[in-house]
Amino acid sequence: MNVKKIISFEASPLNFRFLEKSKENYSKKFNKTEKLIENIALGSGNKEIDFKQFDESSSSTLSDINEESSYFKRNLIY
């Protein structure tokens, strides 16, 4: 596979740090490829908002959190 450039967008600061640390691992596979990792999210507007990071990273979000929801109370702890 001939990939010239990979641009990765990761909103989570925690996941971004993981990607930065593991860069060497995937650099071996794509050793002739320019790699760029950006710690930002993409959207339709240009604004800054808070990222809500949870231990369960698939539950992290840019949306407001309803701390009274049964899902939040059952699964998530800051």
N, C-alpha and C. Protein backbone atom coordinates (compact mmCIF):
# COMPACT_ATOMS: atom_id res chain seq x y z
N MET A 1 0.84 -1.17 0.00
CA MET A 1 0.00 0.00 0.00
C MET A 1 0.89 1.24 0.00
N ASN A 2 0.58 2.18 -0.87
CA ASN A 2 1.38 3.41 -0.98
C ASN A 2 0.57 4.60 -0.46
N VAL A 3 0.72 4.87 0.84
CA VAL A 3 0.02 5.99 1.47
C VAL A 3 1.03 7.12 1.65
N LYS A 4 0.72 8.29 1.10
CA LYS A 4 1.67 9.40 1.17
C LYS A 4 1.57 10.18 2.48
N LYS A 5 0.33 10.32 3.00
CA LYS A 5 0.16 11.15 4.20
C LYS A 5 -1.04 10.65 4.99
N ILE A 6 -0.87 10.56 6.31
CA ILE A 6 -1.95 10.22 7.23
C ILE A 6 -2.15 11.40 8.16
N ILE A 7 -3.39 11.89 8.23
CA ILE A 7 -3.73 12.97 9.17
C ILE A 7 -4.79 12.41 10.11
N SER A 8 -4.48 12.41 11.39
CA SER A 8 -5.38 11.86 12.41
C SER A 8 -5.87 12.99 13.31
N PHE A 9 -7.17 13.01 13.57
CA PHE A 9 -7.77 14.00 14.46
C PHE A 9 -8.32 13.27 15.67
N GLU A 10 -7.82 13.64 16.85
CA GLU A 10 -8.24 13.01 18.10
C GLU A 10 -8.57 14.07 19.13
N ALA A 11 -9.84 14.16 19.51
CA ALA A 11 -10.28 15.19 20.45
C ALA A 11 -9.85 14.90 21.89
N SER A 12 -9.75 13.64 22.24
CA SER A 12 -9.41 13.25 23.61
C SER A 12 -7.94 13.50 23.91
N PRO A 13 -7.62 14.33 24.90
CA PRO A 13 -6.22 14.53 25.28
C PRO A 13 -5.54 13.22 25.71
N LEU A 14 -6.28 12.36 26.39
CA LEU A 14 -5.74 11.09 26.85
C LEU A 14 -5.40 10.18 25.66
N ASN A 15 -6.32 10.04 24.73
CA ASN A 15 -6.08 9.21 23.55
C ASN A 15 -5.00 9.82 22.65
N PHE A 16 -4.96 11.15 22.59
CA PHE A 16 -3.94 11.83 21.80
C PHE A 16 -2.55 11.49 22.34
N ARG A 17 -2.37 11.55 23.65
CA ARG A 17 -1.07 11.21 24.25
C ARG A 17 -0.69 9.76 23.95
N PHE A 18 -1.68 8.87 24.00
CA PHE A 18 -1.43 7.47 23.67
C PHE A 18 -0.95 7.34 22.23
N LEU A 19 -1.61 8.03 21.30
CA LEU A 19 -1.20 7.97 19.90
C LEU A 19 0.21 8.51 19.71
N GLU A 20 0.52 9.60 20.39
CA GLU A 20 1.86 10.18 20.29
C GLU A 20 2.92 9.20 20.79
N LYS A 21 2.63 8.53 21.91
CA LYS A 21 3.60 7.59 22.48
C LYS A 21 3.76 6.34 21.61
N SER A 22 2.70 5.93 20.93
CA SER A 22 2.78 4.72 20.12
C SER A 22 3.11 5.00 18.66
N LYS A 23 3.50 6.23 18.38
CA LYS A 23 3.81 6.63 17.00
C LYS A 23 4.87 5.74 16.37
N GLU A 24 5.86 5.34 17.14
CA GLU A 24 6.93 4.51 16.61
C GLU A 24 6.40 3.17 16.09
N ASN A 25 5.41 2.61 16.80
CA ASN A 25 4.85 1.31 16.39
C ASN A 25 4.23 1.38 15.00
N TYR A 26 3.41 2.38 14.75
CA TYR A 26 2.78 2.45 13.43
C TYR A 26 3.68 3.14 12.40
N SER A 27 4.73 3.79 12.85
CA SER A 27 5.69 4.37 11.91
C SER A 27 6.43 3.28 11.15
N LYS A 28 6.62 2.13 11.78
CA LYS A 28 7.29 1.02 11.11
C LYS A 28 6.46 0.53 9.92
N LYS A 29 5.16 0.45 10.11
CA LYS A 29 4.28 -0.03 9.04
C LYS A 29 4.19 0.99 7.91
N PHE A 30 4.18 2.26 8.26
CA PHE A 30 4.06 3.34 7.28
C PHE A 30 5.32 4.19 7.29
N ASN A 31 6.47 3.55 7.12
CA ASN A 31 7.74 4.26 7.27
C ASN A 31 8.00 5.30 6.19
N LYS A 32 7.34 5.22 5.05
CA LYS A 32 7.54 6.21 3.99
C LYS A 32 6.37 7.19 3.91
N THR A 33 5.57 7.21 4.97
CA THR A 33 4.36 8.02 4.99
C THR A 33 4.52 9.18 5.97
N GLU A 34 4.13 10.36 5.56
CA GLU A 34 4.09 11.51 6.48
C GLU A 34 2.91 11.31 7.42
N LYS A 35 3.15 11.46 8.73
CA LYS A 35 2.11 11.24 9.73
C LYS A 35 1.92 12.50 10.56
N LEU A 36 0.67 12.90 10.72
CA LEU A 36 0.34 14.09 11.49
C LEU A 36 -0.84 13.77 12.40
N ILE A 37 -0.67 13.98 13.71
CA ILE A 37 -1.73 13.75 14.68
C ILE A 37 -2.10 15.10 15.29
N GLU A 38 -3.37 15.44 15.19
CA GLU A 38 -3.87 16.71 15.72
C GLU A 38 -4.80 16.46 16.90
N ASN A 39 -4.58 17.17 18.00
CA ASN A 39 -5.42 17.04 19.20
C ASN A 39 -6.59 18.02 19.10
N ILE A 40 -7.44 17.79 18.10
CA ILE A 40 -8.62 18.62 17.88
C ILE A 40 -9.76 17.75 17.38
N ALA A 41 -10.96 18.29 17.47
CA ALA A 41 -12.14 17.65 16.88
C ALA A 41 -12.55 18.47 15.67
N LEU A 42 -13.20 17.84 14.74
CA LEU A 42 -13.68 18.53 13.55
C LEU A 42 -15.18 18.72 13.64
N GLY A 43 -15.63 19.88 13.20
CA GLY A 43 -17.06 20.16 13.20
C GLY A 43 -17.40 21.23 12.20
N SER A 44 -18.64 21.65 12.22
CA SER A 44 -19.11 22.62 11.23
C SER A 44 -18.77 24.06 11.62
N GLY A 45 -18.37 24.29 12.86
CA GLY A 45 -18.05 25.64 13.32
C GLY A 45 -16.63 25.74 13.83
N ASN A 46 -16.18 26.96 14.06
CA ASN A 46 -14.85 27.20 14.60
C ASN A 46 -15.02 27.76 16.01
N LYS A 47 -14.92 26.87 17.00
CA LYS A 47 -15.11 27.30 18.39
C LYS A 47 -14.36 26.35 19.31
N GLU A 48 -14.20 26.79 20.53
CA GLU A 48 -13.58 25.95 21.56
C GLU A 48 -14.65 25.51 22.53
N ILE A 49 -14.66 24.21 22.83
CA ILE A 49 -15.60 23.67 23.81
C ILE A 49 -14.86 22.66 24.68
N ASP A 50 -15.43 22.35 25.84
CA ASP A 50 -14.81 21.40 26.75
C ASP A 50 -15.05 19.97 26.28
N PHE A 51 -14.03 19.15 26.44
CA PHE A 51 -14.13 17.73 26.13
C PHE A 51 -14.31 17.00 27.45
N LYS A 52 -15.34 16.19 27.55
CA LYS A 52 -15.60 15.43 28.77
C LYS A 52 -14.98 14.04 28.61
N GLN A 53 -13.86 13.82 29.30
CA GLN A 53 -13.10 12.57 29.20
C GLN A 53 -13.50 11.65 30.33
N PHE A 54 -13.81 10.40 29.99
CA PHE A 54 -14.15 9.40 30.99
C PHE A 54 -13.18 8.24 30.88
N ASP A 55 -13.06 7.47 31.97
CA ASP A 55 -12.20 6.28 31.95
C ASP A 55 -12.61 5.35 30.82
N GLU A 56 -13.90 5.20 30.62
CA GLU A 56 -14.43 4.43 29.49
C GLU A 56 -14.46 5.37 28.30
N SER A 57 -13.39 5.35 27.50
CA SER A 57 -13.20 6.39 26.47
C SER A 57 -14.31 6.44 25.44
N SER A 58 -15.01 5.33 25.20
CA SER A 58 -16.10 5.36 24.23
C SER A 58 -17.28 6.18 24.72
N SER A 59 -17.30 6.51 26.01
CA SER A 59 -18.36 7.35 26.57
C SER A 59 -17.96 8.81 26.65
N SER A 60 -16.72 9.14 26.30
CA SER A 60 -16.28 10.53 26.29
C SER A 60 -17.06 11.29 25.23
N THR A 61 -17.25 12.60 25.47
CA THR A 61 -18.15 13.34 24.60
C THR A 61 -17.85 14.83 24.59
N LEU A 62 -18.36 15.49 23.58
CA LEU A 62 -18.34 16.95 23.52
C LEU A 62 -19.67 17.52 24.00
N SER A 63 -20.65 16.65 24.17
CA SER A 63 -22.00 17.07 24.58
C SER A 63 -22.08 17.30 26.08
N ASP A 64 -23.14 17.98 26.49
CA ASP A 64 -23.40 18.16 27.92
C ASP A 64 -23.73 16.80 28.53
N ILE A 65 -23.38 16.64 29.80
CA ILE A 65 -23.61 15.39 30.52
C ILE A 65 -24.81 15.55 31.44
N ASN A 66 -25.72 14.61 31.35
CA ASN A 66 -26.85 14.57 32.27
C ASN A 66 -26.44 13.66 33.43
N GLU A 67 -25.96 14.27 34.51
CA GLU A 67 -25.48 13.50 35.65
C GLU A 67 -26.60 12.82 36.42
N GLU A 68 -27.84 13.12 36.08
CA GLU A 68 -28.98 12.47 36.72
C GLU A 68 -29.46 11.25 35.95
N SER A 69 -28.90 11.02 34.78
CA SER A 69 -29.34 9.87 33.97
C SER A 69 -28.90 8.57 34.61
N SER A 70 -29.68 7.52 34.39
CA SER A 70 -29.33 6.22 34.95
C SER A 70 -28.04 5.69 34.33
N TYR A 71 -27.78 6.00 33.06
CA TYR A 71 -26.54 5.57 32.40
C TYR A 71 -25.33 6.17 33.10
N PHE A 72 -25.38 7.47 33.37
CA PHE A 72 -24.27 8.14 34.05
C PHE A 72 -24.04 7.56 35.42
N LYS A 73 -25.09 7.40 36.17
CA LYS A 73 -24.97 6.90 37.55
C LYS A 73 -24.47 5.45 37.57
N ARG A 74 -24.84 4.67 36.57
CA ARG A 74 -24.47 3.26 36.53
C ARG A 74 -23.05 3.04 36.01
N ASN A 75 -22.61 3.87 35.04
CA ASN A 75 -21.39 3.55 34.32
C ASN A 75 -20.23 4.52 34.46
N LEU A 76 -20.49 5.77 34.70
CA LEU A 76 -19.43 6.74 34.55
C LEU A 76 -19.08 7.44 35.86
N ILE A 77 -17.79 7.55 36.06
CA ILE A 77 -17.27 8.31 37.19
C ILE A 77 -16.17 9.20 36.64
N TYR A 78 -16.19 10.49 36.97
CA TYR A 78 -15.16 11.40 36.48
C TYR A 78 -13.81 10.96 36.95
